[in-house]
Amino acid sequence: MAAGLCPRLRVFVASSRPLLAARSGALPQPLRRAGPAMPLAARARRGLGSSTAADPLAEDFATASDLRFESPLEVVKYPDPVLRARNKRISTFDANLRALADEMFDVMYKTDGIGLSAPQVGVNVQLMVFNPAGVKGEGEEIVLVNPVVYKSAKRLLVFEEGCLSFPGIYGNVLRPESVKIEAQDVTGAKIKVKLSGLPARVFQHEFDHLLGILFFDRMTMDVLETVCEELKVSSGLECI
């Protein structure tokens, strides 16, 4: 077994840091503590194995070229067009995919994040990694491939989010309290699980990246006004 690919199983824990990128002294609005996530951890943790998913629409699936990457990976910053590009589904679950997921975790920890999507490191495929604890060796390291949301809670919650592709920018985003998802793990095994609290929030942020949606797209006009100047300075974005 490759080193670092079998983290200890623990339930998700709530984190006091702003979502997906951290800053000191931030006070995000509280969420309910997430419930135990052992079923997800047992099935979606990083592991070994190889399989190939069904291929109903071959043109929608990533080729070996699409999955090629060079180390060390770096976080792509907005307005790089890769963040808006189409992200292909993955059908090959091999050592290269595991290596990509492993390096994404390394980048996430080095940049003080708790979630990262493949397009954020320049690879346009349906892959995300996250660990709500935000510290290597703590919490759960989850890899999700080809995720789909099939049900969202009606109750919506506001929480302050950041994004590694928008360093230093934070704003309140309204999202469903919980989601039910289908996905595959890094071995190709199918996953069907409900996420709530912090894991649900992190998942939804990263899932948006896989759809080419960025967190400021979800902000209300009032919130956008509070971060508009920062967006203009950091990325040249004319948001208002």
Protein backbone atom coordinates (compact mmCIF):
# COMPACT_ATOMS: atom_id res chain seq x y z
CA MET A 1 0.00 0.00 0.00
CA ALA A 2 1.33 3.40 -0.97
CA ALA A 3 2.34 5.69 1.88
CA GLY A 4 -0.31 8.12 3.12
CA LEU A 5 -3.24 6.44 1.34
CA CYS A 6 -4.97 4.91 4.35
CA PRO A 7 -5.92 7.55 6.95
CA ARG A 8 -7.30 6.54 10.35
CA LEU A 9 -11.10 6.52 10.44
CA ARG A 10 -12.73 9.21 12.55
CA VAL A 11 -16.04 11.05 12.40
CA PHE A 12 -16.06 14.50 10.84
CA VAL A 13 -15.42 17.31 13.29
CA ALA A 14 -16.58 20.90 13.05
CA SER A 15 -13.83 23.38 12.22
CA SER A 16 -13.56 26.94 13.49
CA ARG A 17 -11.69 28.11 10.39
CA PRO A 18 -13.48 29.80 7.49
CA LEU A 19 -14.42 27.32 4.81
CA LEU A 20 -11.94 26.24 2.16
CA ALA A 21 -9.34 28.91 2.91
CA ALA A 22 -8.37 30.17 6.33
CA ARG A 23 -7.65 33.55 7.88
CA SER A 24 -6.95 34.46 11.45
CA GLY A 25 -9.60 35.96 13.68
CA ALA A 26 -12.56 35.08 11.45
CA LEU A 27 -15.91 34.39 13.11
CA PRO A 28 -18.10 32.45 10.67
CA GLN A 29 -21.77 32.01 11.47
CA PRO A 30 -22.29 28.66 13.24
CA LEU A 31 -23.59 25.50 11.63
CA ARG A 32 -24.98 22.50 13.44
CA ARG A 33 -22.31 19.97 14.27
CA ALA A 34 -22.10 17.33 11.56
CA GLY A 35 -23.34 13.87 12.42
CA PRO A 36 -21.14 10.77 12.29
CA ALA A 37 -19.80 10.10 8.81
CA MET A 38 -18.31 6.65 9.32
CA PRO A 39 -20.23 5.11 6.38
CA LEU A 40 -18.77 7.73 4.02
CA ALA A 41 -15.32 7.46 5.53
CA ALA A 42 -15.32 3.70 5.25
CA ARG A 43 -16.23 3.84 1.57
CA ALA A 44 -14.68 7.06 0.33
CA ARG A 45 -11.35 7.19 2.13
CA ARG A 46 -8.26 7.06 -0.03
CA GLY A 47 -7.44 3.45 -0.84
CA LEU A 48 -6.05 1.11 -3.47
CA GLY A 49 -7.76 -0.65 -6.31
CA SER A 50 -8.60 -0.29 -9.97
CA SER A 51 -11.81 -0.44 -11.95
CA THR A 52 -13.50 1.13 -14.92
CA ALA A 53 -16.96 2.72 -14.76
CA ALA A 54 -19.71 2.25 -17.34
CA ASP A 55 -19.23 4.44 -20.39
CA PRO A 56 -22.64 5.52 -21.77
CA LEU A 57 -21.24 8.70 -23.31
CA ALA A 58 -17.59 8.15 -24.12
CA GLU A 59 -17.13 11.70 -25.38
CA ASP A 60 -17.94 13.01 -21.89
CA PHE A 61 -15.18 11.00 -20.21
CA ALA A 62 -11.62 12.06 -19.53
CA THR A 63 -8.78 10.60 -21.57
CA ALA A 64 -5.31 9.79 -20.25
CA SER A 65 -4.24 13.18 -21.58
CA ASP A 66 -6.97 14.95 -19.62
CA LEU A 67 -5.72 13.32 -16.41
CA ARG A 68 -2.06 14.06 -17.00
CA PHE A 69 -0.48 16.43 -14.48
CA GLU A 70 2.95 17.65 -13.49
CA SER A 71 4.31 17.94 -9.98
CA PRO A 72 4.34 20.07 -7.99
CA LEU A 73 0.73 21.12 -8.41
CA GLU A 74 -0.23 24.73 -7.73
CA VAL A 75 -3.60 26.34 -7.03
CA VAL A 76 -5.02 28.11 -10.07
CA LYS A 77 -6.11 31.68 -9.33
CA TYR A 78 -9.08 33.50 -10.84
CA PRO A 79 -9.53 34.66 -13.62
CA ASP A 80 -7.71 31.69 -15.19
CA PRO A 81 -10.21 30.23 -17.73
CA VAL A 82 -9.55 26.69 -16.45
CA LEU A 83 -11.88 27.52 -13.55
CA ARG A 84 -14.81 27.96 -15.96
CA ALA A 85 -13.95 25.11 -18.34
CA ARG A 86 -15.99 21.91 -18.66
CA ASN A 87 -14.83 19.13 -16.35
CA LYS A 88 -14.98 15.61 -17.76
CA ARG A 89 -16.13 12.49 -15.97
CA ILE A 90 -13.55 9.93 -14.94
CA SER A 91 -13.77 6.30 -16.09
CA THR A 92 -10.30 4.98 -15.24
CA PHE A 93 -9.38 4.37 -11.61
CA ASP A 94 -5.67 3.69 -11.49
CA ALA A 95 -2.39 4.67 -9.86
CA ASN A 96 -2.34 8.00 -11.74
CA LEU A 97 -5.73 8.99 -10.29
CA ARG A 98 -4.60 8.05 -6.79
CA ALA A 99 -1.41 10.06 -7.24
CA LEU A 100 -3.43 13.07 -8.41
CA ALA A 101 -5.74 12.86 -5.39
CA ASP A 102 -2.77 12.46 -3.07
CA GLU A 103 -1.02 15.54 -4.48
CA MET A 104 -4.24 17.54 -4.27
CA PHE A 105 -4.37 16.82 -0.54
CA ASP A 106 -0.77 17.98 -0.19
CA VAL A 107 -1.55 21.25 -1.98
CA MET A 108 -4.72 21.74 0.08
CA TYR A 109 -2.85 21.39 3.37
CA LYS A 110 0.05 23.59 2.26
CA THR A 111 -2.36 26.38 1.31
CA ASP A 112 -4.38 26.08 4.54
CA GLY A 113 -7.52 24.79 2.85
CA ILE A 114 -10.10 22.17 3.78
CA GLY A 115 -11.29 21.33 0.26
CA LEU A 116 -9.93 21.37 -3.29
CA SER A 117 -11.28 20.47 -6.72
CA ALA A 118 -9.27 19.19 -9.70
CA PRO A 119 -9.89 22.28 -11.87
CA GLN A 120 -8.31 24.37 -9.11
CA VAL A 121 -5.01 22.64 -9.89
CA GLY A 122 -5.49 22.87 -13.65
CA VAL A 123 -6.98 19.41 -14.30
CA ASN A 124 -10.49 19.60 -15.77
CA VAL A 125 -12.01 16.38 -14.44
CA GLN A 126 -14.77 15.48 -11.96
CA LEU A 127 -12.61 14.99 -8.87
CA MET A 128 -12.58 16.64 -5.45
CA VAL A 129 -10.79 16.08 -2.15
CA PHE A 130 -11.60 17.47 1.27
CA ASN A 131 -10.91 17.16 4.97
CA PRO A 132 -13.01 19.40 7.24
CA ALA A 133 -10.33 19.19 9.93
CA GLY A 134 -7.87 20.94 7.60
CA VAL A 135 -4.83 19.28 9.18
CA LYS A 136 -2.88 16.36 7.77
CA GLY A 137 -3.21 13.35 10.03
CA GLU A 138 -6.43 14.62 11.63
CA GLY A 139 -10.07 14.21 10.65
CA GLU A 140 -11.08 12.42 7.42
CA GLU A 141 -9.50 12.62 3.98
CA ILE A 142 -12.30 12.10 1.45
CA VAL A 143 -11.95 11.63 -2.30
CA LEU A 144 -15.08 11.92 -4.46
CA VAL A 145 -15.15 11.15 -8.18
CA ASN A 146 -18.01 11.99 -10.58
CA PRO A 147 -20.29 13.30 -7.79
CA VAL A 148 -23.98 13.99 -8.37
CA VAL A 149 -26.44 15.69 -6.00
CA TYR A 150 -29.82 13.98 -6.12
CA LYS A 151 -31.50 15.75 -3.20
CA SER A 152 -30.93 18.97 -1.25
CA ALA A 153 -32.46 20.10 2.03
CA LYS A 154 -35.08 22.84 1.89
CA ARG A 155 -33.52 24.59 4.87
CA LEU A 156 -30.82 27.06 3.80
CA LEU A 157 -27.95 28.30 5.97
CA VAL A 158 -25.57 31.24 5.61
CA PHE A 159 -21.87 30.63 6.24
CA GLU A 160 -18.74 32.60 5.49
CA GLU A 161 -16.72 30.98 2.71
CA GLY A 162 -13.28 31.55 1.28
CA CYS A 163 -11.68 29.98 -1.77
CA LEU A 164 -8.08 29.03 -2.46
CA SER A 165 -8.48 30.44 -5.98
CA PHE A 166 -9.43 33.81 -4.43
CA PRO A 167 -6.84 34.24 -1.65
CA GLY A 168 -7.83 36.61 1.13
CA ILE A 169 -11.44 37.05 0.00
CA TYR A 170 -14.35 35.88 2.19
CA GLY A 171 -18.09 36.31 1.94
CA ASN A 172 -21.37 34.83 3.16
CA VAL A 173 -22.93 32.20 0.92
CA LEU A 174 -26.39 30.65 1.27
CA ARG A 175 -26.55 26.88 0.72
CA PRO A 176 -28.74 23.90 1.70
CA GLU A 177 -28.08 22.53 5.18
CA SER A 178 -27.64 18.99 3.84
CA VAL A 179 -27.34 17.13 0.55
CA LYS A 180 -27.70 13.55 -0.61
CA ILE A 181 -25.08 12.55 -3.14
CA GLU A 182 -23.97 9.73 -5.37
CA ALA A 183 -20.33 9.42 -6.38
CA GLN A 184 -17.43 7.02 -6.72
CA ASP A 185 -14.37 6.71 -4.54
CA VAL A 186 -10.78 6.57 -5.79
CA THR A 187 -11.12 2.83 -6.46
CA GLY A 188 -14.27 3.29 -8.55
CA ALA A 189 -16.61 1.93 -5.87
CA LYS A 190 -20.03 3.60 -5.79
CA ILE A 191 -20.99 5.82 -2.86
CA LYS A 192 -24.45 7.02 -1.85
CA VAL A 193 -24.55 9.14 1.30
CA LYS A 194 -26.12 12.12 3.04
CA LEU A 195 -23.83 14.96 4.11
CA SER A 196 -24.81 17.65 6.60
CA GLY A 197 -23.20 20.52 8.49
CA LEU A 198 -19.60 21.34 7.61
CA PRO A 199 -18.97 18.37 5.27
CA ALA A 200 -22.07 19.33 3.27
CA ARG A 201 -20.88 22.93 3.00
CA VAL A 202 -17.39 21.94 1.83
CA PHE A 203 -18.80 19.42 -0.63
CA GLN A 204 -21.18 21.96 -2.19
CA HIS A 205 -18.40 24.53 -2.64
CA GLU A 206 -16.16 21.98 -4.38
CA PHE A 207 -19.06 20.54 -6.38
CA ASP A 208 -19.73 24.02 -7.75
CA HIS A 209 -16.12 24.12 -9.00
CA LEU A 210 -16.79 20.94 -10.97
CA LEU A 211 -19.72 22.76 -12.63
CA GLY A 212 -17.63 25.85 -13.40
CA ILE A 213 -19.45 27.84 -10.70
CA LEU A 214 -17.42 30.05 -8.35
CA PHE A 215 -18.38 31.07 -4.84
CA PHE A 216 -18.98 34.72 -5.71
CA ASP A 217 -21.62 33.51 -8.19
CA ARG A 218 -23.63 32.41 -5.16
CA MET A 219 -23.32 35.65 -3.21
CA THR A 220 -26.17 38.12 -2.92
CA MET A 221 -25.66 41.61 -4.31
CA ASP A 222 -25.28 42.98 -0.77
CA VAL A 223 -22.48 40.53 0.00
CA LEU A 224 -20.82 41.14 -3.35
CA GLU A 225 -20.66 44.83 -2.56
CA THR A 226 -18.62 44.07 0.56
CA VAL A 227 -15.98 42.10 -1.38
CA CYS A 228 -16.14 43.88 -4.73
CA GLU A 229 -13.06 46.04 -4.22
CA GLU A 230 -11.01 43.04 -3.12
CA LEU A 231 -12.15 41.10 -6.18
CA LYS A 232 -11.17 43.98 -8.45
CA VAL A 233 -7.72 44.23 -6.89
CA SER A 234 -6.98 40.51 -6.82
CA SER A 235 -8.48 39.42 -10.13
CA GLY A 236 -9.67 42.46 -12.08
CA LEU A 237 -13.25 41.24 -11.72
CA GLU A 238 -15.93 43.88 -12.34
CA CYS A 239 -18.51 42.39 -10.00
CA ILE A 240 -20.97 45.27 -9.64
